[in-house]
Amino acid sequence: MTHTMTLPALFAALVLLAAPAHAADVAAGKALAAESCVDCHGDDGAGDDDYPAIAGMSVEKFTKAMKEYQDGTRTKSPKMAKEAKKLGAVQIANLAAYYATLK
């Protein structure tokens, strides 16, 4: 039995495989930030003398920081490490997308 695939079908399959598994949801990130982040980083992510600003942080930098808190390579804040470990990849992506929109 021979399987043949037309070029358009092959192209469509490749596009689907190359597409990101999850497009970040800024609104979901904002909602999660209101629950988890504002107590320390403030409503606008500007931080203060005790907590760093995260507003305007790039998605890459935010994601890297969260992963480092999760895996223990970033140890500046035990509280932040504890909070980061509660988050999954989708939640981190959503938070990163939200904070990247703030100035």
PDB file of N, CA and C in Angstrom:
ATOM      1  N   MET A   1       0.849  -1.167   0.000  1.00  0.00           N
ATOM      2  CA  MET A   1       0.000   0.000   0.000  1.00  0.00           C
ATOM      3  C   MET A   1       0.893   1.228   0.000  1.00  0.00           C
ATOM      4  N   THR A   2       0.647   2.136  -0.884  1.00  0.00           N
ATOM      5  CA  THR A   2       1.465   3.330  -1.023  1.00  0.00           C
ATOM      6  C   THR A   2       0.692   4.540  -0.528  1.00  0.00           C
ATOM      7  N   HIS A   3       1.375   5.337   0.274  1.00  0.00           N
ATOM      8  CA  HIS A   3       0.755   6.567   0.765  1.00  0.00           C
ATOM      9  C   HIS A   3       1.374   7.738   0.024  1.00  0.00           C
ATOM     10  N   THR A   4       0.525   8.519  -0.546  1.00  0.00           N
ATOM     11  CA  THR A   4       1.020   9.724  -1.201  1.00  0.00           C
ATOM     12  C   THR A   4       0.346  10.914  -0.560  1.00  0.00           C
ATOM     13  N   MET A   5       1.102  11.942  -0.430  1.00  0.00           N
ATOM     14  CA  MET A   5       0.583  13.152   0.176  1.00  0.00           C
ATOM     15  C   MET A   5       0.798  14.285  -0.809  1.00  0.00           C
ATOM     16  N   THR A   6      -0.205  15.053  -1.048  1.00  0.00           N
ATOM     17  CA  THR A   6      -0.053  16.174  -1.961  1.00  0.00           C
ATOM     18  C   THR A   6       0.801  17.233  -1.312  1.00  0.00           C
ATOM     19  N   LEU A   7       1.410  18.058  -2.115  1.00  0.00           N
ATOM     20  CA  LEU A   7       2.268  19.124  -1.604  1.00  0.00           C
ATOM     21  C   LEU A   7       1.512  20.068  -0.670  1.00  0.00           C
ATOM     22  N   PRO A   8       0.291  20.504  -0.985  1.00  0.00           N
ATOM     23  CA  PRO A   8      -0.427  21.379  -0.044  1.00  0.00           C
ATOM     24  C   PRO A   8      -0.697  20.704   1.295  1.00  0.00           C
ATOM     25  N   ALA A   9      -1.018  19.432   1.279  1.00  0.00           N
ATOM     26  CA  ALA A   9      -1.274  18.725   2.529  1.00  0.00           C
ATOM     27  C   ALA A   9       0.004  18.604   3.347  1.00  0.00           C
ATOM     28  N   LEU A  10       1.104  18.345   2.696  1.00  0.00           N
ATOM     29  CA  LEU A  10       2.390  18.257   3.382  1.00  0.00           C
ATOM     30  C   LEU A  10       2.758  19.607   3.986  1.00  0.00           C
ATOM     31  N   PHE A  11       2.566  20.672   3.227  1.00  0.00           N
ATOM     32  CA  PHE A  11       2.858  22.019   3.714  1.00  0.00           C
ATOM     33  C   PHE A  11       1.995  22.343   4.938  1.00  0.00           C
ATOM     34  N   ALA A  12       0.707  22.025   4.866  1.00  0.00           N
ATOM     35  CA  ALA A  12      -0.201  22.289   5.984  1.00  0.00           C
ATOM     36  C   ALA A  12       0.244  21.535   7.235  1.00  0.00           C
ATOM     37  N   ALA A  13       0.658  20.301   7.072  1.00  0.00           N
ATOM     38  CA  ALA A  13       1.131  19.509   8.207  1.00  0.00           C
ATOM     39  C   ALA A  13       2.377  20.135   8.827  1.00  0.00           C
ATOM     40  N   LEU A  14       3.283  20.593   8.002  1.00  0.00           N
ATOM     41  CA  LEU A  14       4.503  21.219   8.512  1.00  0.00           C
ATOM     42  C   LEU A  14       4.203  22.516   9.248  1.00  0.00           C
ATOM     43  N   VAL A  15       3.270  23.297   8.736  1.00  0.00           N
ATOM     44  CA  VAL A  15       2.891  24.549   9.396  1.00  0.00           C
ATOM     45  C   VAL A  15       2.301  24.260  10.768  1.00  0.00           C
ATOM     46  N   LEU A  16       1.445  23.271  10.856  1.00  0.00           N
ATOM     47  CA  LEU A  16       0.851  22.920  12.146  1.00  0.00           C
ATOM     48  C   LEU A  16       1.898  22.457  13.144  1.00  0.00           C
ATOM     49  N   LEU A  17       2.871  21.713  12.685  1.00  0.00           N
ATOM     50  CA  LEU A  17       3.926  21.233  13.578  1.00  0.00           C
ATOM     51  C   LEU A  17       4.837  22.366  14.036  1.00  0.00           C
ATOM     52  N   ALA A  18       5.008  23.365  13.186  1.00  0.00           N
ATOM     53  CA  ALA A  18       5.899  24.474  13.521  1.00  0.00           C
ATOM     54  C   ALA A  18       5.217  25.539  14.367  1.00  0.00           C
ATOM     55  N   ALA A  19       3.902  25.540  14.421  1.00  0.00           N
ATOM     56  CA  ALA A  19       3.171  26.557  15.180  1.00  0.00           C
ATOM     57  C   ALA A  19       3.423  26.374  16.670  1.00  0.00           C
ATOM     58  N   PRO A  20       3.465  27.487  17.419  1.00  0.00           N
ATOM     59  CA  PRO A  20       3.661  27.364  18.859  1.00  0.00           C
ATOM     60  C   PRO A  20       2.499  26.607  19.493  1.00  0.00           C
ATOM     61  N   ALA A  21       2.796  25.880  20.524  1.00  0.00           N
ATOM     62  CA  ALA A  21       1.783  25.070  21.184  1.00  0.00           C
ATOM     63  C   ALA A  21       0.779  25.942  21.936  1.00  0.00           C
ATOM     64  N   HIS A  22       1.187  27.139  22.319  1.00  0.00           N
ATOM     65  CA  HIS A  22       0.312  28.002  23.097  1.00  0.00           C
ATOM     66  C   HIS A  22       0.619  29.449  22.770  1.00  0.00           C
ATOM     67  N   ALA A  23      -0.388  30.172  22.382  1.00  0.00           N
ATOM     68  CA  ALA A  23      -0.230  31.612  22.208  1.00  0.00           C
ATOM     69  C   ALA A  23      -0.555  32.243  23.555  1.00  0.00           C
ATOM     70  N   ALA A  24       0.334  33.083  24.044  1.00  0.00           N
ATOM     71  CA  ALA A  24       0.150  33.678  25.360  1.00  0.00           C
ATOM     72  C   ALA A  24      -1.124  34.523  25.394  1.00  0.00           C
ATOM     73  N   ASP A  25      -1.778  34.519  26.524  1.00  0.00           N
ATOM     74  CA  ASP A  25      -3.035  35.224  26.734  1.00  0.00           C
ATOM     75  C   ASP A  25      -2.782  36.363  27.724  1.00  0.00           C
ATOM     76  N   VAL A  26      -2.711  37.590  27.198  1.00  0.00           N
ATOM     77  CA  VAL A  26      -2.412  38.761  28.028  1.00  0.00           C
ATOM     78  C   VAL A  26      -3.481  38.955  29.108  1.00  0.00           C
ATOM     79  N   ALA A  27      -4.748  38.782  28.750  1.00  0.00           N
ATOM     80  CA  ALA A  27      -5.830  38.956  29.731  1.00  0.00           C
ATOM     81  C   ALA A  27      -5.714  37.946  30.870  1.00  0.00           C
ATOM     82  N   ALA A  28      -5.382  36.712  30.541  1.00  0.00           N
ATOM     83  CA  ALA A  28      -5.192  35.695  31.583  1.00  0.00           C
ATOM     84  C   ALA A  28      -3.987  36.047  32.446  1.00  0.00           C
ATOM     85  N   GLY A  29      -2.938  36.589  31.829  1.00  0.00           N
ATOM     86  CA  GLY A  29      -1.769  37.020  32.585  1.00  0.00           C
ATOM     87  C   GLY A  29      -2.103  38.143  33.545  1.00  0.00           C
ATOM     88  N   LYS A  30      -2.921  39.086  33.092  1.00  0.00           N
ATOM     89  CA  LYS A  30      -3.336  40.202  33.955  1.00  0.00           C
ATOM     90  C   LYS A  30      -4.140  39.680  35.149  1.00  0.00           C
ATOM     91  N   ALA A  31      -5.058  38.758  34.892  1.00  0.00           N
ATOM     92  CA  ALA A  31      -5.862  38.186  35.978  1.00  0.00           C
ATOM     93  C   ALA A  31      -4.986  37.439  36.984  1.00  0.00           C
ATOM     94  N   LEU A  32      -4.038  36.668  36.496  1.00  0.00           N
ATOM     95  CA  LEU A  32      -3.136  35.930  37.386  1.00  0.00           C
ATOM     96  C   LEU A  32      -2.245  36.892  38.164  1.00  0.00           C
ATOM     97  N   ALA A  33      -1.781  37.955  37.512  1.00  0.00           N
ATOM     98  CA  ALA A  33      -0.953  38.945  38.193  1.00  0.00           C
ATOM     99  C   ALA A  33      -1.718  39.579  39.348  1.00  0.00           C
ATOM    100  N   ALA A  34      -3.015  39.856  39.137  1.00  0.00           N
ATOM    101  CA  ALA A  34      -3.835  40.456  40.185  1.00  0.00           C
ATOM    102  C   ALA A  34      -3.946  39.537  41.395  1.00  0.00           C
ATOM    103  N   GLU A  35      -3.907  38.243  41.161  1.00  0.00           N
ATOM    104  CA  GLU A  35      -3.993  37.265  42.257  1.00  0.00           C
ATOM    105  C   GLU A  35      -2.651  37.016  42.935  1.00  0.00           C
ATOM    106  N   SER A  36      -1.585  37.015  42.146  1.00  0.00           N
ATOM    107  CA  SER A  36      -0.314  36.488  42.647  1.00  0.00           C
ATOM    108  C   SER A  36       0.841  37.463  42.752  1.00  0.00           C
ATOM    109  N   CYS A  37       0.814  38.550  42.003  1.00  0.00           N
ATOM    110  CA  CYS A  37       2.017  39.371  41.877  1.00  0.00           C
ATOM    111  C   CYS A  37       1.912  40.776  42.463  1.00  0.00           C
ATOM    112  N   VAL A  38       0.687  41.328  42.496  1.00  0.00           N
ATOM    113  CA  VAL A  38       0.537  42.738  42.851  1.00  0.00           C
ATOM    114  C   VAL A  38       0.913  43.056  44.294  1.00  0.00           C
ATOM    115  N   ASP A  39       0.812  42.095  45.188  1.00  0.00           N
ATOM    116  CA  ASP A  39       1.152  42.380  46.585  1.00  0.00           C
ATOM    117  C   ASP A  39       2.596  42.849  46.737  1.00  0.00           C
ATOM    118  N   CYS A  40       3.476  42.330  45.904  1.00  0.00           N
ATOM    119  CA  CYS A  40       4.887  42.707  45.987  1.00  0.00           C
ATOM    120  C   CYS A  40       5.307  43.683  44.882  1.00  0.00           C
ATOM    121  N   HIS A  41       4.886  43.408  43.658  1.00  0.00           N
ATOM    122  CA  HIS A  41       5.351  44.193  42.511  1.00  0.00           C
ATOM    123  C   HIS A  41       4.436  45.360  42.158  1.00  0.00           C
ATOM    124  N   GLY A  42       3.292  45.469  42.840  1.00  0.00           N
ATOM    125  CA  GLY A  42       2.364  46.572  42.626  1.00  0.00           C
ATOM    126  C   GLY A  42       1.413  46.318  41.465  1.00  0.00           C
ATOM    127  N   ASP A  43       0.343  47.108  41.439  1.00  0.00           N
ATOM    128  CA  ASP A  43      -0.683  46.971  40.401  1.00  0.00           C
ATOM    129  C   ASP A  43      -0.130  47.172  38.998  1.00  0.00           C
ATOM    130  N   ASP A  44       0.889  48.014  38.890  1.00  0.00           N
ATOM    131  CA  ASP A  44       1.437  48.335  37.575  1.00  0.00           C
ATOM    132  C   ASP A  44       2.771  47.659  37.297  1.00  0.00           C
ATOM    133  N   GLY A  45       3.200  46.769  38.191  1.00  0.00           N
ATOM    134  CA  GLY A  45       4.467  46.059  38.007  1.00  0.00           C
ATOM    135  C   GLY A  45       5.698  46.927  38.204  1.00  0.00           C
ATOM    136  N   ALA A  46       5.520  48.119  38.754  1.00  0.00           N
ATOM    137  CA  ALA A  46       6.639  49.058  38.917  1.00  0.00           C
ATOM    138  C   ALA A  46       7.551  48.713  40.089  1.00  0.00           C
ATOM    139  N   GLY A  47       7.087  47.848  40.987  1.00  0.00           N
ATOM    140  CA  GLY A  47       7.913  47.482  42.135  1.00  0.00           C
ATOM    141  C   GLY A  47       8.077  48.640  43.102  1.00  0.00           C
ATOM    142  N   ASP A  48       9.039  48.495  44.009  1.00  0.00           N
ATOM    143  CA  ASP A  48       9.358  49.547  44.979  1.00  0.00           C
ATOM    144  C   ASP A  48      10.768  49.315  45.491  1.00  0.00           C
ATOM    145  N   ASP A  49      11.103  49.893  46.623  1.00  0.00           N
ATOM    146  CA  ASP A  49      12.458  49.738  47.164  1.00  0.00           C
ATOM    147  C   ASP A  49      12.790  48.285  47.514  1.00  0.00           C
ATOM    148  N   ASP A  50      11.778  47.500  47.846  1.00  0.00           N
ATOM    149  CA  ASP A  50      12.001  46.116  48.261  1.00  0.00           C
ATOM    150  C   ASP A  50      11.825  45.089  47.146  1.00  0.00           C
ATOM    151  N   TYR A  51      11.030  45.435  46.128  1.00  0.00           N
ATOM    152  CA  TYR A  51      10.719  44.483  45.063  1.00  0.00           C
ATOM    153  C   TYR A  51      11.010  45.103  43.701  1.00  0.00           C
ATOM    154  N   PRO A  52      11.610  44.346  42.795  1.00  0.00           N
ATOM    155  CA  PRO A  52      12.006  44.917  41.495  1.00  0.00           C
ATOM    156  C   PRO A  52      10.816  45.183  40.570  1.00  0.00           C
ATOM    157  N   ALA A  53      11.015  46.132  39.686  1.00  0.00           N
ATOM    158  CA  ALA A  53      10.029  46.403  38.640  1.00  0.00           C
ATOM    159  C   ALA A  53      10.045  45.254  37.636  1.00  0.00           C
ATOM    160  N   ILE A  54       8.870  44.839  37.211  1.00  0.00           N
ATOM    161  CA  ILE A  54       8.771  43.822  36.173  1.00  0.00           C
ATOM    162  C   ILE A  54       7.960  44.328  34.983  1.00  0.00           C
ATOM    163  N   ALA A  55       7.398  45.530  35.105  1.00  0.00           N
ATOM    164  CA  ALA A  55       6.655  46.135  33.996  1.00  0.00           C
ATOM    165  C   ALA A  55       7.615  46.409  32.848  1.00  0.00           C
ATOM    166  N   GLY A  56       7.210  46.039  31.653  1.00  0.00           N
ATOM    167  CA  GLY A  56       8.031  46.277  30.478  1.00  0.00           C
ATOM    168  C   GLY A  56       9.150  45.275  30.275  1.00  0.00           C
ATOM    169  N   MET A  57       9.260  44.297  31.173  1.00  0.00           N
ATOM    170  CA  MET A  57      10.300  43.278  31.026  1.00  0.00           C
ATOM    171  C   MET A  57       9.988  42.440  29.790  1.00  0.00           C
ATOM    172  N   SER A  58      11.004  42.099  29.042  1.00  0.00           N
ATOM    173  CA  SER A  58      10.778  41.284  27.844  1.00  0.00           C
ATOM    174  C   SER A  58      10.261  39.902  28.241  1.00  0.00           C
ATOM    175  N   VAL A  59       9.527  39.300  27.325  1.00  0.00           N
ATOM    176  CA  VAL A  59       9.001  37.954  27.553  1.00  0.00           C
ATOM    177  C   VAL A  59      10.148  36.997  27.849  1.00  0.00           C
ATOM    178  N   GLU A  60      11.220  37.112  27.092  1.00  0.00           N
ATOM    179  CA  GLU A  60      12.365  36.207  27.268  1.00  0.00           C
ATOM    180  C   GLU A  60      12.998  36.359  28.644  1.00  0.00           C
ATOM    181  N   LYS A  61      13.209  37.599  29.065  1.00  0.00           N
ATOM    182  CA  LYS A  61      13.850  37.852  30.358  1.00  0.00           C
ATOM    183  C   LYS A  61      12.957  37.394  31.518  1.00  0.00           C
ATOM    184  N   PHE A  62      11.655  37.697  31.421  1.00  0.00           N
ATOM    185  CA  PHE A  62      10.716  37.278  32.459  1.00  0.00           C
ATOM    186  C   PHE A  62      10.678  35.755  32.576  1.00  0.00           C
ATOM    187  N   THR A  63      10.548  35.098  31.428  1.00  0.00           N
ATOM    188  CA  THR A  63      10.474  33.637  31.401  1.00  0.00           C
ATOM    189  C   THR A  63      11.743  33.010  31.956  1.00  0.00           C
ATOM    190  N   LYS A  64      12.889  33.552  31.570  1.00  0.00           N
ATOM    191  CA  LYS A  64      14.172  33.036  32.064  1.00  0.00           C
ATOM    192  C   LYS A  64      14.254  33.169  33.582  1.00  0.00           C
ATOM    193  N   ALA A  65      13.862  34.320  34.101  1.00  0.00           N
ATOM    194  CA  ALA A  65      13.912  34.537  35.548  1.00  0.00           C
ATOM    195  C   ALA A  65      13.010  33.546  36.284  1.00  0.00           C
ATOM    196  N   MET A  66      11.804  33.346  35.761  1.00  0.00           N
ATOM    197  CA  MET A  66      10.882  32.425  36.422  1.00  0.00           C
ATOM    198  C   MET A  66      11.407  30.990  36.403  1.00  0.00           C
ATOM    199  N   LYS A  67      11.967  30.583  35.288  1.00  0.00           N
ATOM    200  CA  LYS A  67      12.525  29.221  35.194  1.00  0.00           C
ATOM    201  C   LYS A  67      13.710  29.065  36.140  1.00  0.00           C
ATOM    202  N   GLU A  68      14.508  30.113  36.276  1.00  0.00           N
ATOM    203  CA  GLU A  68      15.648  30.054  37.205  1.00  0.00           C
ATOM    204  C   GLU A  68      15.185  29.980  38.652  1.00  0.00           C
ATOM    205  N   TYR A  69      14.104  30.691  38.992  1.00  0.00           N
ATOM    206  CA  TYR A  69      13.547  30.545  40.345  1.00  0.00           C
ATOM    207  C   TYR A  69      13.028  29.124  40.550  1.00  0.00           C
ATOM    208  N   GLN A  70      12.398  28.580  39.530  1.00  0.00           N
ATOM    209  CA  GLN A  70      11.846  27.226  39.652  1.00  0.00           C
ATOM    210  C   GLN A  70      12.920  26.161  39.815  1.00  0.00           C
ATOM    211  N   ASP A  71      14.012  26.291  39.064  1.00  0.00           N
ATOM    212  CA  ASP A  71      15.032  25.237  39.124  1.00  0.00           C
ATOM    213  C   ASP A  71      16.123  25.496  40.164  1.00  0.00           C
ATOM    214  N   GLY A  72      16.024  26.623  40.873  1.00  0.00           N
ATOM    215  CA  GLY A  72      16.959  26.907  41.955  1.00  0.00           C
ATOM    216  C   GLY A  72      18.244  27.598  41.548  1.00  0.00           C
ATOM    217  N   THR A  73      18.406  27.955  40.272  1.00  0.00           N
ATOM    218  CA  THR A  73      19.627  28.661  39.887  1.00  0.00           C
ATOM    219  C   THR A  73      19.560  30.141  40.251  1.00  0.00           C
ATOM    220  N   ARG A  74      18.377  30.663  40.495  1.00  0.00           N
ATOM    221  CA  ARG A  74      18.218  32.041  40.978  1.00  0.00           C
ATOM    222  C   ARG A  74      17.714  31.934  42.405  1.00  0.00           C
ATOM    223  N   THR A  75      18.491  32.469  43.333  1.00  0.00           N
ATOM    224  CA  THR A  75      18.175  32.277  44.753  1.00  0.00           C
ATOM    225  C   THR A  75      18.038  33.584  45.524  1.00  0.00           C
ATOM    226  N   LYS A  76      17.896  34.697  44.833  1.00  0.00           N
ATOM    227  CA  LYS A  76      17.823  36.002  45.503  1.00  0.00           C
ATOM    228  C   LYS A  76      16.644  36.118  46.461  1.00  0.00           C
ATOM    229  N   SER A  77      15.546  35.465  46.141  1.00  0.00           N
ATOM    230  CA  SER A  77      14.331  35.607  46.933  1.00  0.00           C
ATOM    231  C   SER A  77      13.657  34.258  47.147  1.00  0.00           C
ATOM    232  N   PRO A  78      13.751  33.727  48.367  1.00  0.00           N
ATOM    233  CA  PRO A  78      13.063  32.465  48.649  1.00  0.00           C
ATOM    234  C   PRO A  78      11.550  32.571  48.407  1.00  0.00           C
ATOM    235  N   LYS A  79      10.966  33.742  48.710  1.00  0.00           N
ATOM    236  CA  LYS A  79       9.530  33.923  48.493  1.00  0.00           C
ATOM    237  C   LYS A  79       9.203  33.812  47.005  1.00  0.00           C
ATOM    238  N   MET A  80      10.032  34.422  46.164  1.00  0.00           N
ATOM    239  CA  MET A  80       9.791  34.374  44.721  1.00  0.00           C
ATOM    240  C   MET A  80       9.968  32.954  44.198  1.00  0.00           C
ATOM    241  N   ALA A  81      10.946  32.238  44.710  1.00  0.00           N
ATOM    242  CA  ALA A  81      11.156  30.849  44.296  1.00  0.00           C
ATOM    243  C   ALA A  81       9.919  30.013  44.633  1.00  0.00           C
ATOM    244  N   LYS A  82       9.367  30.224  45.816  1.00  0.00           N
ATOM    245  CA  LYS A  82       8.166  29.495  46.232  1.00  0.00           C
ATOM    246  C   LYS A  82       6.989  29.817  45.306  1.00  0.00           C
ATOM    247  N   GLU A  83       6.810  31.086  44.990  1.00  0.00           N
ATOM    248  CA  GLU A  83       5.706  31.497  44.117  1.00  0.00           C
ATOM    249  C   GLU A  83       5.901  30.967  42.698  1.00  0.00           C
ATOM    250  N   ALA A  84       7.117  31.029  42.190  1.00  0.00           N
ATOM    251  CA  ALA A  84       7.394  30.578  40.820  1.00  0.00           C
ATOM    252  C   ALA A  84       7.122  29.085  40.662  1.00  0.00           C
ATOM    253  N   LYS A  85       7.414  28.325  41.694  1.00  0.00           N
ATOM    254  CA  LYS A  85       7.218  26.877  41.625  1.00  0.00           C
ATOM    255  C   LYS A  85       5.744  26.482  41.547  1.00  0.00           C
ATOM    256  N   LYS A  86       4.852  27.398  41.848  1.00  0.00           N
ATOM    257  CA  LYS A  86       3.418  27.142  41.757  1.00  0.00           C
ATOM    258  C   LYS A  86       2.901  27.277  40.329  1.00  0.00           C
ATOM    259  N   LEU A  87       3.720  27.848  39.434  1.00  0.00           N
ATOM    260  CA  LEU A  87       3.273  28.187  38.087  1.00  0.00           C
ATOM    261  C   LEU A  87       3.698  27.168  37.041  1.00  0.00           C
ATOM    262  N   GLY A  88       2.812  26.922  36.105  1.00  0.00           N
ATOM    263  CA  GLY A  88       3.130  26.081  34.956  1.00  0.00           C
ATOM    264  C   GLY A  88       3.618  26.947  33.794  1.00  0.00           C
ATOM    265  N   ALA A  89       4.041  26.309  32.730  1.00  0.00           N
ATOM    266  CA  ALA A  89       4.586  27.010  31.567  1.00  0.00           C
ATOM    267  C   ALA A  89       3.574  27.963  30.941  1.00  0.00           C
ATOM    268  N   VAL A  90       2.319  27.571  30.865  1.00  0.00           N
ATOM    269  CA  VAL A  90       1.290  28.437  30.266  1.00  0.00           C
ATOM    270  C   VAL A  90       1.075  29.665  31.133  1.00  0.00           C
ATOM    271  N   GLN A  91       1.038  29.490  32.438  1.00  0.00           N
ATOM    272  CA  GLN A  91       0.862  30.629  33.343  1.00  0.00           C
ATOM    273  C   GLN A  91       2.042  31.589  33.246  1.00  0.00           C
ATOM    274  N   ILE A  92       3.240  31.060  33.164  1.00  0.00           N
ATOM    275  CA  ILE A  92       4.424  31.917  33.018  1.00  0.00           C
ATOM    276  C   ILE A  92       4.366  32.673  31.698  1.00  0.00           C
ATOM    277  N   ALA A  93       3.991  31.998  30.629  1.00  0.00           N
ATOM    278  CA  ALA A  93       3.879  32.663  29.326  1.00  0.00           C
ATOM    279  C   ALA A  93       2.847  33.779  29.367  1.00  0.00           C
ATOM    280  N   ASN A  94       1.729  33.541  30.030  1.00  0.00           N
ATOM    281  CA  ASN A  94       0.685  34.559  30.131  1.00  0.00           C
ATOM    282  C   ASN A  94       1.149  35.753  30.956  1.00  0.00           C
ATOM    283  N   LEU A  95       1.807  35.485  32.083  1.00  0.00           N
ATOM    284  CA  LEU A  95       2.336  36.586  32.893  1.00  0.00           C
ATOM    285  C   LEU A  95       3.391  37.375  32.133  1.00  0.00           C
ATOM    286  N   ALA A  96       4.272  36.673  31.456  1.00  0.00           N
ATOM    287  CA  ALA A  96       5.332  37.332  30.678  1.00  0.00           C
ATOM    288  C   ALA A  96       4.724  38.233  29.605  1.00  0.00           C
ATOM    289  N   ALA A  97       3.705  37.730  28.922  1.00  0.00           N
ATOM    290  CA  ALA A  97       3.051  38.525  27.877  1.00  0.00           C
ATOM    291  C   ALA A  97       2.392  39.761  28.478  1.00  0.00           C
ATOM    292  N   TYR A  98       1.742  39.610  29.610  1.00  0.00           N
ATOM    293  CA  TYR A  98       1.093  40.741  30.267  1.00  0.00           C
ATOM    294  C   TYR A  98       2.121  41.785  30.694  1.00  0.00           C
ATOM    295  N   TYR A  99       3.138  41.382  31.431  1.00  0.00           N
ATOM    296  CA  TYR A  99       4.104  42.376  31.938  1.00  0.00           C
ATOM    297  C   TYR A  99       4.890  43.037  30.798  1.00  0.00           C
ATOM    298  N   ALA A 100       5.068  42.340  29.701  1.00  0.00           N
ATOM    299  CA  ALA A 100       5.752  42.944  28.550  1.00  0.00           C
ATOM    300  C   ALA A 100       4.939  44.078  27.940  1.00  0.00           C
ATOM    301  N   THR A 101       3.616  44.067  28.151  1.00  0.00           N
ATOM    302  CA  THR A 101       2.778  45.145  27.589  1.00  0.00           C
ATOM    303  C   THR A 101       2.795  46.413  28.433  1.00  0.00           C
ATOM    304  N   LEU A 102       3.262  46.318  29.669  1.00  0.00           N
ATOM    305  CA  LEU A 102       3.260  47.478  30.568  1.00  0.00           C
ATOM    306  C   LEU A 102       4.511  48.323  30.346  1.00  0.00           C
ATOM    307  N   LYS A 103       4.362  49.585  30.541  1.00  0.00           N
ATOM    308  CA  LYS A 103       5.503  50.511  30.391  1.00  0.00           C
ATOM    309  C   LYS A 103       5.882  51.093  31.741  1.00  0.00           C
TER     310      LYS A 103
END
